[in-house]
PDB file of N, CA and C in Angstrom:
ATOM      1  N   GLN A   1     -12.585  -0.695 -12.939  1.00  0.00           N
ATOM      2  CA  GLN A   1     -12.915  -1.650 -11.893  1.00  0.00           C
ATOM      3  C   GLN A   1     -12.409  -1.186 -10.539  1.00  0.00           C
ATOM      4  N   VAL A   2     -11.193  -0.678 -10.510  1.00  0.00           N
ATOM      5  CA  VAL A   2     -10.611  -0.195  -9.265  1.00  0.00           C
ATOM      6  C   VAL A   2     -10.943   1.275  -9.106  1.00  0.00           C
ATOM      7  N   GLN A   3     -11.467   1.597  -7.956  1.00  0.00           N
ATOM      8  CA  GLN A   3     -11.840   2.964  -7.692  1.00  0.00           C
ATOM      9  C   GLN A   3     -11.642   3.285  -6.220  1.00  0.00           C
ATOM     10  N   LEU A   4     -11.046   4.426  -5.967  1.00  0.00           N
ATOM     11  CA  LEU A   4     -10.870   4.935  -4.620  1.00  0.00           C
ATOM     12  C   LEU A   4     -11.571   6.281  -4.547  1.00  0.00           C
ATOM     13  N   VAL A   5     -12.429   6.433  -3.575  1.00  0.00           N
ATOM     14  CA  VAL A   5     -13.219   7.647  -3.442  1.00  0.00           C
ATOM     15  C   VAL A   5     -13.077   8.182  -2.032  1.00  0.00           C
ATOM     16  N   GLU A   6     -12.524   9.387  -1.934  1.00  0.00           N
ATOM     17  CA  GLU A   6     -12.365  10.035  -0.639  1.00  0.00           C
ATOM     18  C   GLU A   6     -13.613  10.836  -0.293  1.00  0.00           C
ATOM     19  N   SER A   7     -13.860  10.960   0.984  1.00  0.00           N
ATOM     20  CA  SER A   7     -14.945  11.791   1.467  1.00  0.00           C
ATOM     21  C   SER A   7     -14.616  12.245   2.881  1.00  0.00           C
ATOM     22  N   GLY A   8     -15.355  13.224   3.346  1.00  0.00           N
ATOM     23  CA  GLY A   8     -15.201  13.685   4.712  1.00  0.00           C
ATOM     24  C   GLY A   8     -14.466  14.996   4.867  1.00  0.00           C
ATOM     25  N   GLY A   9     -13.942  15.521   3.782  1.00  0.00           N
ATOM     26  CA  GLY A   9     -13.255  16.786   3.864  1.00  0.00           C
ATOM     27  C   GLY A   9     -14.228  17.932   4.049  1.00  0.00           C
ATOM     28  N   GLY A  10     -13.677  19.087   4.326  1.00  0.00           N
ATOM     29  CA  GLY A  10     -14.503  20.252   4.516  1.00  0.00           C
ATOM     30  C   GLY A  10     -13.756  21.349   5.225  1.00  0.00           C
ATOM     31  N   LEU A  11     -14.504  22.315   5.681  1.00  0.00           N
ATOM     32  CA  LEU A  11     -13.956  23.459   6.400  1.00  0.00           C
ATOM     33  C   LEU A  11     -14.086  23.228   7.897  1.00  0.00           C
ATOM     34  N   VAL A  12     -12.997  23.402   8.605  1.00  0.00           N
ATOM     35  CA  VAL A  12     -12.995  23.208  10.047  1.00  0.00           C
ATOM     36  C   VAL A  12     -12.115  24.270  10.688  1.00  0.00           C
ATOM     37  N   GLN A  13     -12.453  24.656  11.888  1.00  0.00           N
ATOM     38  CA  GLN A  13     -11.668  25.643  12.611  1.00  0.00           C
ATOM     39  C   GLN A  13     -10.413  25.014  13.195  1.00  0.00           C
ATOM     40  N   PRO A  14      -9.381  25.811  13.406  1.00  0.00           N
ATOM     41  CA  PRO A  14      -8.187  25.277  14.059  1.00  0.00           C
ATOM     42  C   PRO A  14      -8.538  24.599  15.381  1.00  0.00           C
ATOM     43  N   GLY A  15      -7.927  23.463  15.621  1.00  0.00           N
ATOM     44  CA  GLY A  15      -8.227  22.676  16.799  1.00  0.00           C
ATOM     45  C   GLY A  15      -9.359  21.699  16.625  1.00  0.00           C
ATOM     46  N   GLY A  16     -10.056  21.789  15.513  1.00  0.00           N
ATOM     47  CA  GLY A  16     -11.170  20.910  15.251  1.00  0.00           C
ATOM     48  C   GLY A  16     -10.735  19.556  14.728  1.00  0.00           C
ATOM     49  N   SER A  17     -11.725  18.743  14.394  1.00  0.00           N
ATOM     50  CA  SER A  17     -11.475  17.384  13.945  1.00  0.00           C
ATOM     51  C   SER A  17     -12.258  17.073  12.687  1.00  0.00           C
ATOM     52  N   LEU A  18     -11.708  16.185  11.900  1.00  0.00           N
ATOM     53  CA  LEU A  18     -12.371  15.644  10.731  1.00  0.00           C
ATOM     54  C   LEU A  18     -12.009  14.177  10.610  1.00  0.00           C
ATOM     55  N   ARG A  19     -12.891  13.429  10.020  1.00  0.00           N
ATOM     56  CA  ARG A  19     -12.640  12.023   9.738  1.00  0.00           C
ATOM     57  C   ARG A  19     -12.802  11.792   8.243  1.00  0.00           C
ATOM     58  N   LEU A  20     -11.713  11.474   7.582  1.00  0.00           N
ATOM     59  CA  LEU A  20     -11.735  11.193   6.163  1.00  0.00           C
ATOM     60  C   LEU A  20     -11.950   9.705   5.925  1.00  0.00           C
ATOM     61  N   SER A  21     -12.660   9.411   4.863  1.00  0.00           N
ATOM     62  CA  SER A  21     -12.896   8.038   4.477  1.00  0.00           C
ATOM     63  C   SER A  21     -12.420   7.819   3.051  1.00  0.00           C
ATOM     64  N   CYS A  22     -11.908   6.640   2.800  1.00  0.00           N
ATOM     65  CA  CYS A  22     -11.516   6.227   1.463  1.00  0.00           C
ATOM     66  C   CYS A  22     -12.212   4.918   1.170  1.00  0.00           C
ATOM     67  N   ALA A  23     -13.272   5.007   0.412  1.00  0.00           N
ATOM     68  CA  ALA A  23     -14.019   3.821   0.027  1.00  0.00           C
ATOM     69  C   ALA A  23     -13.422   3.239  -1.241  1.00  0.00           C
ATOM     70  N   THR A  24     -13.158   1.956  -1.228  1.00  0.00           N
ATOM     71  CA  THR A  24     -12.518   1.312  -2.374  1.00  0.00           C
ATOM     72  C   THR A  24     -13.429   0.271  -2.988  1.00  0.00           C
ATOM     73  N   THR A  25     -13.284   0.106  -4.276  1.00  0.00           N
ATOM     74  CA  THR A  25     -13.913  -0.973  -5.010  1.00  0.00           C
ATOM     75  C   THR A  25     -12.872  -1.602  -5.915  1.00  0.00           C
ATOM     76  N   GLY A  26     -12.986  -2.886  -6.105  1.00  0.00           N
ATOM     77  CA  GLY A  26     -12.081  -3.583  -6.992  1.00  0.00           C
ATOM     78  C   GLY A  26     -10.791  -4.066  -6.353  1.00  0.00           C
ATOM     79  N   ILE A  27     -10.604  -3.797  -5.072  1.00  0.00           N
ATOM     80  CA  ILE A  27      -9.434  -4.273  -4.357  1.00  0.00           C
ATOM     81  C   ILE A  27      -9.847  -4.789  -2.991  1.00  0.00           C
ATOM     82  N   HIS A  28      -8.977  -5.583  -2.409  1.00  0.00           N
ATOM     83  CA  HIS A  28      -9.098  -5.958  -1.016  1.00  0.00           C
ATOM     84  C   HIS A  28      -8.001  -5.215  -0.268  1.00  0.00           C
ATOM     85  N   VAL A  29      -8.372  -4.431   0.694  1.00  0.00           N
ATOM     86  CA  VAL A  29      -7.399  -3.596   1.383  1.00  0.00           C
ATOM     87  C   VAL A  29      -6.356  -4.428   2.118  1.00  0.00           C
ATOM     88  N   THR A  30      -6.664  -5.653   2.439  1.00  0.00           N
ATOM     89  CA  THR A  30      -5.701  -6.517   3.108  1.00  0.00           C
ATOM     90  C   THR A  30      -4.552  -6.928   2.196  1.00  0.00           C
ATOM     91  N   MET A  31      -4.707  -6.715   0.899  1.00  0.00           N
ATOM     92  CA  MET A  31      -3.684  -7.087  -0.059  1.00  0.00           C
ATOM     93  C   MET A  31      -2.858  -5.891  -0.523  1.00  0.00           C
ATOM     94  N   TYR A  32      -3.141  -4.724   0.004  1.00  0.00           N
ATOM     95  CA  TYR A  32      -2.500  -3.506  -0.449  1.00  0.00           C
ATOM     96  C   TYR A  32      -1.893  -2.719   0.699  1.00  0.00           C
ATOM     97  N   ASN A  33      -0.814  -2.059   0.386  1.00  0.00           N
ATOM     98  CA  ASN A  33      -0.321  -1.001   1.244  1.00  0.00           C
ATOM     99  C   ASN A  33      -1.103   0.255   0.892  1.00  0.00           C
ATOM    100  N   MET A  34      -1.570   0.943   1.892  1.00  0.00           N
ATOM    101  CA  MET A  34      -2.416   2.091   1.649  1.00  0.00           C
ATOM    102  C   MET A  34      -1.921   3.289   2.444  1.00  0.00           C
ATOM    103  N   GLY A  35      -2.398   4.441   2.043  1.00  0.00           N
ATOM    104  CA  GLY A  35      -1.980   5.621   2.761  1.00  0.00           C
ATOM    105  C   GLY A  35      -2.745   6.854   2.360  1.00  0.00           C
ATOM    106  N   TRP A  36      -2.556   7.859   3.167  1.00  0.00           N
ATOM    107  CA  TRP A  36      -3.092   9.182   2.895  1.00  0.00           C
ATOM    108  C   TRP A  36      -1.953  10.124   2.567  1.00  0.00           C
ATOM    109  N   TYR A  37      -2.128  10.871   1.523  1.00  0.00           N
ATOM    110  CA  TYR A  37      -1.169  11.861   1.083  1.00  0.00           C
ATOM    111  C   TYR A  37      -1.890  13.188   0.930  1.00  0.00           C
ATOM    112  N   ARG A  38      -1.139  14.249   1.014  1.00  0.00           N
ATOM    113  CA  ARG A  38      -1.763  15.552   0.869  1.00  0.00           C
ATOM    114  C   ARG A  38      -0.864  16.485   0.079  1.00  0.00           C
ATOM    115  N   GLN A  39      -1.501  17.428  -0.558  1.00  0.00           N
ATOM    116  CA  GLN A  39      -0.783  18.440  -1.300  1.00  0.00           C
ATOM    117  C   GLN A  39      -1.386  19.800  -0.983  1.00  0.00           C
ATOM    118  N   ALA A  40      -0.583  20.636  -0.383  1.00  0.00           N
ATOM    119  CA  ALA A  40      -0.989  21.985  -0.036  1.00  0.00           C
ATOM    120  C   ALA A  40      -0.484  22.947  -1.092  1.00  0.00           C
ATOM    121  N   PRO A  41      -1.106  24.110  -1.204  1.00  0.00           N
ATOM    122  CA  PRO A  41      -0.638  25.100  -2.167  1.00  0.00           C
ATOM    123  C   PRO A  41       0.833  25.427  -1.960  1.00  0.00           C
ATOM    124  N   GLY A  42       1.585  25.377  -3.037  1.00  0.00           N
ATOM    125  CA  GLY A  42       2.999  25.697  -2.980  1.00  0.00           C
ATOM    126  C   GLY A  42       3.886  24.607  -2.441  1.00  0.00           C
ATOM    127  N   LYS A  43       3.337  23.439  -2.183  1.00  0.00           N
ATOM    128  CA  LYS A  43       4.114  22.340  -1.647  1.00  0.00           C
ATOM    129  C   LYS A  43       3.933  21.094  -2.497  1.00  0.00           C
ATOM    130  N   GLN A  44       4.901  20.204  -2.404  1.00  0.00           N
ATOM    131  CA  GLN A  44       4.799  18.926  -3.077  1.00  0.00           C
ATOM    132  C   GLN A  44       3.863  18.000  -2.309  1.00  0.00           C
ATOM    133  N   ARG A  45       3.330  17.039  -3.031  1.00  0.00           N
ATOM    134  CA  ARG A  45       2.511  16.035  -2.385  1.00  0.00           C
ATOM    135  C   ARG A  45       3.369  15.202  -1.450  1.00  0.00           C
ATOM    136  N   GLY A  46       2.911  15.015  -0.243  1.00  0.00           N
ATOM    137  CA  GLY A  46       3.676  14.286   0.739  1.00  0.00           C
ATOM    138  C   GLY A  46       2.842  13.283   1.501  1.00  0.00           C
ATOM    139  N   MET A  47       3.524  12.340   2.094  1.00  0.00           N
ATOM    140  CA  MET A  47       2.873  11.304   2.859  1.00  0.00           C
ATOM    141  C   MET A  47       2.372  11.856   4.182  1.00  0.00           C
ATOM    142  N   VAL A  48       1.169  11.496   4.526  1.00  0.00           N
ATOM    143  CA  VAL A  48       0.588  11.850   5.807  1.00  0.00           C
ATOM    144  C   VAL A  48       0.624  10.658   6.752  1.00  0.00           C
ATOM    145  N   ALA A  49       0.102   9.551   6.287  1.00  0.00           N
ATOM    146  CA  ALA A  49       0.062   8.333   7.081  1.00  0.00           C
ATOM    147  C   ALA A  49      -0.086   7.145   6.153  1.00  0.00           C
ATOM    148  N   THR A  50       0.481   6.028   6.546  1.00  0.00           N
ATOM    149  CA  THR A  50       0.364   4.813   5.759  1.00  0.00           C
ATOM    150  C   THR A  50      -0.014   3.649   6.650  1.00  0.00           C
ATOM    151  N   ILE A  51      -0.606   2.666   6.028  1.00  0.00           N
ATOM    152  CA  ILE A  51      -0.917   1.413   6.705  1.00  0.00           C
ATOM    153  C   ILE A  51      -0.621   0.293   5.729  1.00  0.00           C
ATOM    154  N   THR A  52       0.203  -0.646   6.147  1.00  0.00           N
ATOM    155  CA  THR A  52       0.590  -1.735   5.273  1.00  0.00           C
ATOM    156  C   THR A  52      -0.510  -2.772   5.202  1.00  0.00           C
ATOM    157  N   SER A  53      -0.330  -3.702   4.278  1.00  0.00           N
ATOM    158  CA  SER A  53      -1.291  -4.789   4.163  1.00  0.00           C
ATOM    159  C   SER A  53      -1.394  -5.579   5.460  1.00  0.00           C
ATOM    160  N   GLY A  54      -0.316  -5.602   6.225  1.00  0.00           N
ATOM    161  CA  GLY A  54      -0.315  -6.294   7.497  1.00  0.00           C
ATOM    162  C   GLY A  54      -0.828  -5.480   8.657  1.00  0.00           C
ATOM    163  N   GLY A  55      -1.119  -4.206   8.420  1.00  0.00           N
ATOM    164  CA  GLY A  55      -1.693  -3.375   9.456  1.00  0.00           C
ATOM    165  C   GLY A  55      -0.729  -2.456  10.173  1.00  0.00           C
ATOM    166  N   SER A  56       0.542  -2.473   9.798  1.00  0.00           N
ATOM    167  CA  SER A  56       1.507  -1.579  10.420  1.00  0.00           C
ATOM    168  C   SER A  56       1.294  -0.155   9.926  1.00  0.00           C
ATOM    169  N   THR A  57       1.435   0.797  10.819  1.00  0.00           N
ATOM    170  CA  THR A  57       1.176   2.192  10.474  1.00  0.00           C
ATOM    171  C   THR A  57       2.411   3.048  10.654  1.00  0.00           C
ATOM    172  N   THR A  58       2.446   4.129   9.919  1.00  0.00           N
ATOM    173  CA  THR A  58       3.490   5.122  10.063  1.00  0.00           C
ATOM    174  C   THR A  58       2.888   6.486   9.780  1.00  0.00           C
ATOM    175  N   TYR A  59       3.510   7.517  10.349  1.00  0.00           N
ATOM    176  CA  TYR A  59       2.980   8.861  10.239  1.00  0.00           C
ATOM    177  C   TYR A  59       4.086   9.854   9.935  1.00  0.00           C
ATOM    178  N   ALA A  60       3.710  10.881   9.220  1.00  0.00           N
ATOM    179  CA  ALA A  60       4.611  11.999   9.056  1.00  0.00           C
ATOM    180  C   ALA A  60       4.810  12.681  10.398  1.00  0.00           C
ATOM    181  N   ASP A  61       6.005  13.201  10.617  1.00  0.00           N
ATOM    182  CA  ASP A  61       6.292  13.844  11.894  1.00  0.00           C
ATOM    183  C   ASP A  61       5.302  14.963  12.210  1.00  0.00           C
ATOM    184  N   SER A  62       4.852  15.652  11.193  1.00  0.00           N
ATOM    185  CA  SER A  62       3.984  16.797  11.390  1.00  0.00           C
ATOM    186  C   SER A  62       2.598  16.432  11.909  1.00  0.00           C
ATOM    187  N   VAL A  63       2.217  15.165  11.804  1.00  0.00           N
ATOM    188  CA  VAL A  63       0.877  14.773  12.222  1.00  0.00           C
ATOM    189  C   VAL A  63       0.877  13.754  13.349  1.00  0.00           C
ATOM    190  N   LYS A  64       2.042  13.325  13.778  1.00  0.00           N
ATOM    191  CA  LYS A  64       2.110  12.343  14.851  1.00  0.00           C
ATOM    192  C   LYS A  64       1.424  12.860  16.111  1.00  0.00           C
ATOM    193  N   GLY A  65       0.626  11.999  16.697  1.00  0.00           N
ATOM    194  CA  GLY A  65      -0.104  12.365  17.893  1.00  0.00           C
ATOM    195  C   GLY A  65      -1.417  13.045  17.630  1.00  0.00           C
ATOM    196  N   ARG A  66      -1.662  13.431  16.391  1.00  0.00           N
ATOM    197  CA  ARG A  66      -2.902  14.110  16.043  1.00  0.00           C
ATOM    198  C   ARG A  66      -3.768  13.307  15.086  1.00  0.00           C
ATOM    199  N   PHE A  67      -3.134  12.589  14.172  1.00  0.00           N
ATOM    200  CA  PHE A  67      -3.862  11.829  13.162  1.00  0.00           C
ATOM    201  C   PHE A  67      -3.755  10.340  13.446  1.00  0.00           C
ATOM    202  N   THR A  68      -4.784   9.610  13.067  1.00  0.00           N
ATOM    203  CA  THR A  68      -4.793   8.170  13.202  1.00  0.00           C
ATOM    204  C   THR A  68      -5.335   7.539  11.930  1.00  0.00           C
ATOM    205  N   ILE A  69      -4.556   6.643  11.351  1.00  0.00           N
ATOM    206  CA  ILE A  69      -4.990   5.930  10.161  1.00  0.00           C
ATOM    207  C   ILE A  69      -5.516   4.564  10.574  1.00  0.00           C
ATOM    208  N   SER A  70      -6.553   4.135   9.918  1.00  0.00           N
ATOM    209  CA  SER A  70      -7.137   2.837  10.217  1.00  0.00           C
ATOM    210  C   SER A  70      -7.863   2.322   8.985  1.00  0.00           C
ATOM    211  N   ARG A  71      -8.311   1.107   9.063  1.00  0.00           N
ATOM    212  CA  ARG A  71      -9.084   0.545   7.960  1.00  0.00           C
ATOM    213  C   ARG A  71     -10.079  -0.456   8.493  1.00  0.00           C
ATOM    214  N   ASP A  72     -11.114  -0.657   7.710  1.00  0.00           N
ATOM    215  CA  ASP A  72     -12.115  -1.669   7.970  1.00  0.00           C
ATOM    216  C   ASP A  72     -11.993  -2.679   6.849  1.00  0.00           C
ATOM    217  N   ASN A  73     -11.460  -3.836   7.158  1.00  0.00           N
ATOM    218  CA  ASN A  73     -11.199  -4.830   6.131  1.00  0.00           C
ATOM    219  C   ASN A  73     -12.484  -5.362   5.497  1.00  0.00           C
ATOM    220  N   THR A  74     -13.530  -5.434   6.271  1.00  0.00           N
ATOM    221  CA  THR A  74     -14.794  -5.924   5.746  1.00  0.00           C
ATOM    222  C   THR A  74     -15.401  -4.943   4.753  1.00  0.00           C
ATOM    223  N   LYS A  75     -15.289  -3.671   5.060  1.00  0.00           N
ATOM    224  CA  LYS A  75     -15.845  -2.632   4.203  1.00  0.00           C
ATOM    225  C   LYS A  75     -14.877  -2.166   3.118  1.00  0.00           C
ATOM    226  N   ASN A  76     -13.635  -2.648   3.163  1.00  0.00           N
ATOM    227  CA  ASN A  76     -12.608  -2.200   2.228  1.00  0.00           C
ATOM    228  C   ASN A  76     -12.491  -0.677   2.227  1.00  0.00           C
ATOM    229  N   THR A  77     -12.509  -0.125   3.400  1.00  0.00           N
ATOM    230  CA  THR A  77     -12.477   1.313   3.572  1.00  0.00           C
ATOM    231  C   THR A  77     -11.358   1.705   4.521  1.00  0.00           C
ATOM    232  N   MET A  78     -10.652   2.747   4.166  1.00  0.00           N
ATOM    233  CA  MET A  78      -9.592   3.288   4.991  1.00  0.00           C
ATOM    234  C   MET A  78     -10.041   4.632   5.542  1.00  0.00           C
ATOM    235  N   TYR A  79      -9.555   4.955   6.734  1.00  0.00           N
ATOM    236  CA  TYR A  79      -9.955   6.177   7.402  1.00  0.00           C
ATOM    237  C   TYR A  79      -8.734   6.959   7.870  1.00  0.00           C
ATOM    238  N   LEU A  80      -8.948   8.230   8.030  1.00  0.00           N
ATOM    239  CA  LEU A  80      -7.959   9.093   8.650  1.00  0.00           C
ATOM    240  C   LEU A  80      -8.680   9.999   9.630  1.00  0.00           C
ATOM    241  N   GLN A  81      -8.485   9.733  10.905  1.00  0.00           N
ATOM    242  CA  GLN A  81      -9.039  10.578  11.944  1.00  0.00           C
ATOM    243  C   GLN A  81      -8.051  11.698  12.214  1.00  0.00           C
ATOM    244  N   MET A  82      -8.494  12.916  12.043  1.00  0.00           N
ATOM    245  CA  MET A  82      -7.641  14.077  12.192  1.00  0.00           C
ATOM    246  C   MET A  82      -8.153  14.918  13.347  1.00  0.00           C
ATOM    247  N   ASN A  83      -7.335  15.030  14.372  1.00  0.00           N
ATOM    248  CA  ASN A  83      -7.663  15.834  15.539  1.00  0.00           C
ATOM    249  C   ASN A  83      -6.655  16.963  15.685  1.00  0.00           C
ATOM    250  N   GLY A  84      -7.054  17.966  16.412  1.00  0.00           N
ATOM    251  CA  GLY A  84      -6.162  19.094  16.630  1.00  0.00           C
ATOM    252  C   GLY A  84      -5.669  19.715  15.340  1.00  0.00           C
ATOM    253  N   LEU A  85      -6.568  19.922  14.414  1.00  0.00           N
ATOM    254  CA  LEU A  85      -6.184  20.414  13.094  1.00  0.00           C
ATOM    255  C   LEU A  85      -5.587  21.807  13.169  1.00  0.00           C
ATOM    256  N   LYS A  86      -4.608  22.020  12.320  1.00  0.00           N
ATOM    257  CA  LYS A  86      -3.898  23.279  12.228  1.00  0.00           C
ATOM    258  C   LYS A  86      -4.059  23.862  10.839  1.00  0.00           C
ATOM    259  N   PRO A  87      -3.910  25.169  10.697  1.00  0.00           N
ATOM    260  CA  PRO A  87      -4.005  25.765   9.363  1.00  0.00           C
ATOM    261  C   PRO A  87      -3.061  25.127   8.359  1.00  0.00           C
ATOM    262  N   GLU A  88      -1.886  24.703   8.797  1.00  0.00           N
ATOM    263  CA  GLU A  88      -0.941  24.079   7.891  1.00  0.00           C
ATOM    264  C   GLU A  88      -1.373  22.698   7.423  1.00  0.00           C
ATOM    265  N   ASP A  89      -2.441  22.162   8.001  1.00  0.00           N
ATOM    266  CA  ASP A  89      -3.001  20.908   7.518  1.00  0.00           C
ATOM    267  C   ASP A  89      -3.881  21.111   6.291  1.00  0.00           C
ATOM    268  N   THR A  90      -4.150  22.349   5.951  1.00  0.00           N
ATOM    269  CA  THR A  90      -4.970  22.640   4.787  1.00  0.00           C
ATOM    270  C   THR A  90      -4.323  22.074   3.532  1.00  0.00           C
ATOM    271  N   ALA A  91      -5.062  21.250   2.826  1.00  0.00           N
ATOM    272  CA  ALA A  91      -4.535  20.587   1.640  1.00  0.00           C
ATOM    273  C   ALA A  91      -5.627  19.747   1.016  1.00  0.00           C
ATOM    274  N   VAL A  92      -5.338  19.265  -0.165  1.00  0.00           N
ATOM    275  CA  VAL A  92      -6.149  18.224  -0.762  1.00  0.00           C
ATOM    276  C   VAL A  92      -5.577  16.894  -0.307  1.00  0.00           C
ATOM    277  N   TYR A  93      -6.413  16.072   0.264  1.00  0.00           N
ATOM    278  CA  TYR A  93      -5.986  14.784   0.788  1.00  0.00           C
ATOM    279  C   TYR A  93      -6.374  13.678  -0.178  1.00  0.00           C
ATOM    280  N   TYR A  94      -5.396  12.852  -0.492  1.00  0.00           N
ATOM    281  CA  TYR A  94      -5.574  11.789  -1.461  1.00  0.00           C
ATOM    282  C   TYR A  94      -5.405  10.422  -0.813  1.00  0.00           C
ATOM    283  N   CYS A  95      -6.233   9.510  -1.241  1.00  0.00           N
ATOM    284  CA  CYS A  95      -6.141   8.119  -0.832  1.00  0.00           C
ATOM    285  C   CYS A  95      -5.304   7.353  -1.840  1.00  0.00           C
ATOM    286  N   ASN A  96      -4.431   6.494  -1.350  1.00  0.00           N
ATOM    287  CA  ASN A  96      -3.569   5.707  -2.218  1.00  0.00           C
ATOM    288  C   ASN A  96      -3.580   4.245  -1.806  1.00  0.00           C
ATOM    289  N   ALA A  97      -3.534   3.391  -2.797  1.00  0.00           N
ATOM    290  CA  ALA A  97      -3.390   1.959  -2.571  1.00  0.00           C
ATOM    291  C   ALA A  97      -2.396   1.419  -3.574  1.00  0.00           C
ATOM    292  N   GLY A  98      -1.449   0.625  -3.113  1.00  0.00           N
ATOM    293  CA  GLY A  98      -0.443   0.090  -3.999  1.00  0.00           C
ATOM    294  C   GLY A  98       0.039  -1.273  -3.566  1.00  0.00           C
ATOM    295  N   ARG A  99       0.578  -1.990  -4.522  1.00  0.00           N
ATOM    296  CA  ARG A  99       1.157  -3.289  -4.237  1.00  0.00           C
ATOM    297  C   ARG A  99       2.152  -3.652  -5.319  1.00  0.00           C
ATOM    298  N   SER A 100       3.034  -4.552  -4.996  1.00  0.00           N
ATOM    299  CA  SER A 100       4.004  -5.067  -5.942  1.00  0.00           C
ATOM    300  C   SER A 100       3.721  -6.530  -6.202  1.00  0.00           C
ATOM    301  N   GLY A 101       3.823  -6.920  -7.454  1.00  0.00           N
ATOM    302  CA  GLY A 101       3.612  -8.296  -7.837  1.00  0.00           C
ATOM    303  C   GLY A 101       4.894  -8.954  -8.286  1.00  0.00           C
ATOM    304  N   SER A 102       4.754 -10.134  -8.796  1.00  0.00           N
ATOM    305  CA  SER A 102       5.909 -10.868  -9.282  1.00  0.00           C
ATOM    306  C   SER A 102       6.447 -10.244 -10.563  1.00  0.00           C
ATOM    307  N   GLY A 103       7.722 -10.501 -10.820  1.00  0.00           N
ATOM    308  CA  GLY A 103       8.339 -10.017 -12.038  1.00  0.00           C
ATOM    309  C   GLY A 103       8.471  -8.509 -12.129  1.00  0.00           C
ATOM    310  N   GLY A 104       8.460  -7.842 -11.001  1.00  0.00           N
ATOM    311  CA  GLY A 104       8.613  -6.400 -10.996  1.00  0.00           C
ATOM    312  C   GLY A 104       7.352  -5.622 -11.291  1.00  0.00           C
ATOM    313  N   SER A 105       6.233  -6.291 -11.402  1.00  0.00           N
ATOM    314  CA  SER A 105       4.980  -5.598 -11.662  1.00  0.00           C
ATOM    315  C   SER A 105       4.539  -4.828 -10.433  1.00  0.00           C
ATOM    316  N   SER A 106       3.810  -3.767 -10.662  1.00  0.00           N
ATOM    317  CA  SER A 106       3.288  -2.982  -9.566  1.00  0.00           C
ATOM    318  C   SER A 106       1.958  -2.364  -9.957  1.00  0.00           C
ATOM    319  N   TRP A 107       1.172  -2.093  -8.948  1.00  0.00           N
ATOM    320  CA  TRP A 107      -0.113  -1.447  -9.134  1.00  0.00           C
ATOM    321  C   TRP A 107      -0.202  -0.295  -8.153  1.00  0.00           C
ATOM    322  N   ASN A 108      -0.711   0.816  -8.610  1.00  0.00           N
ATOM    323  CA  ASN A 108      -0.798   1.995  -7.788  1.00  0.00           C
ATOM    324  C   ASN A 108      -2.051   2.769  -8.175  1.00  0.00           C
ATOM    325  N   TYR A 109      -2.885   3.033  -7.196  1.00  0.00           N
ATOM    326  CA  TYR A 109      -4.157   3.686  -7.449  1.00  0.00           C
ATOM    327  C   TYR A 109      -4.311   4.898  -6.550  1.00  0.00           C
ATOM    328  N   TRP A 110      -4.965   5.904  -7.090  1.00  0.00           N
ATOM    329  CA  TRP A 110      -5.201   7.144  -6.371  1.00  0.00           C
ATOM    330  C   TRP A 110      -6.664   7.536  -6.461  1.00  0.00           C
ATOM    331  N   GLY A 111      -7.140   8.145  -5.405  1.00  0.00           N
ATOM    332  CA  GLY A 111      -8.438   8.769  -5.450  1.00  0.00           C
ATOM    333  C   GLY A 111      -8.332  10.165  -6.021  1.00  0.00           C
ATOM    334  N   GLN A 112      -9.458  10.814  -6.161  1.00  0.00           N
ATOM    335  CA  GLN A 112      -9.486  12.154  -6.734  1.00  0.00           C
ATOM    336  C   GLN A 112      -9.199  13.242  -5.716  1.00  0.00           C
ATOM    337  N   GLY A 113      -9.241  12.907  -4.461  1.00  0.00           N
ATOM    338  CA  GLY A 113      -8.892  13.853  -3.424  1.00  0.00           C
ATOM    339  C   GLY A 113     -10.102  14.506  -2.782  1.00  0.00           C
ATOM    340  N   THR A 114      -9.911  14.929  -1.554  1.00  0.00           N
ATOM    341  CA  THR A 114     -10.931  15.673  -0.836  1.00  0.00           C
ATOM    342  C   THR A 114     -10.264  16.861  -0.151  1.00  0.00           C
ATOM    343  N   GLN A 115     -10.890  18.000  -0.249  1.00  0.00           N
ATOM    344  CA  GLN A 115     -10.312  19.236   0.262  1.00  0.00           C
ATOM    345  C   GLN A 115     -10.537  19.364   1.756  1.00  0.00           C
ATOM    346  N   VAL A 116      -9.463  19.626   2.472  1.00  0.00           N
ATOM    347  CA  VAL A 116      -9.522  19.935   3.892  1.00  0.00           C
ATOM    348  C   VAL A 116      -9.006  21.354   4.077  1.00  0.00           C
ATOM    349  N   THR A 117      -9.832  22.191   4.644  1.00  0.00           N
ATOM    350  CA  THR A 117      -9.452  23.568   4.891  1.00  0.00           C
ATOM    351  C   THR A 117      -9.594  23.863   6.372  1.00  0.00           C
ATOM    352  N   VAL A 118      -8.510  24.275   6.982  1.00  0.00           N
ATOM    353  CA  VAL A 118      -8.492  24.599   8.399  1.00  0.00           C
ATOM    354  C   VAL A 118      -8.312  26.104   8.521  1.00  0.00           C
ATOM    355  N   SER A 119      -9.347  26.773   8.926  1.00  0.00           N
ATOM    356  CA  SER A 119      -9.324  28.226   8.984  1.00  0.00           C
ATOM    357  C   SER A 119     -10.376  28.716   9.952  1.00  0.00           C
ATOM    358  N   SER A 120     -10.081  29.819  10.592  1.00  0.00           N
ATOM    359  CA  SER A 120     -11.034  30.447  11.481  1.00  0.00           C
ATOM    360  C   SER A 120     -11.901  31.458  10.756  1.00  0.00           C
TER     361      SER A 120
END
């Protein structure tokens, strides 16, 4: 029932831009904390940007000023606008949605990822 599907990745030259989308089904994005994570070769998966259910955002230091996370509550879709891309941004980007319920319950969902390659 719950599904997160990333799209928008691809090959881009350094300094270029990409807009990633995370289309969701089975959830309301207003009820979840969401974020973009990435995993590059030889590195652990790390947080890129997050947006809380209330709309507050945070960014990894490495992407501040270049990336912007947003969502469309009506479409239940989250976005990541990536500008000024660098080769070190090359990674598989994953969409995440999570929430905590009563009694210690939690829900955490991941998309399958979309490849972003920054290369000349």
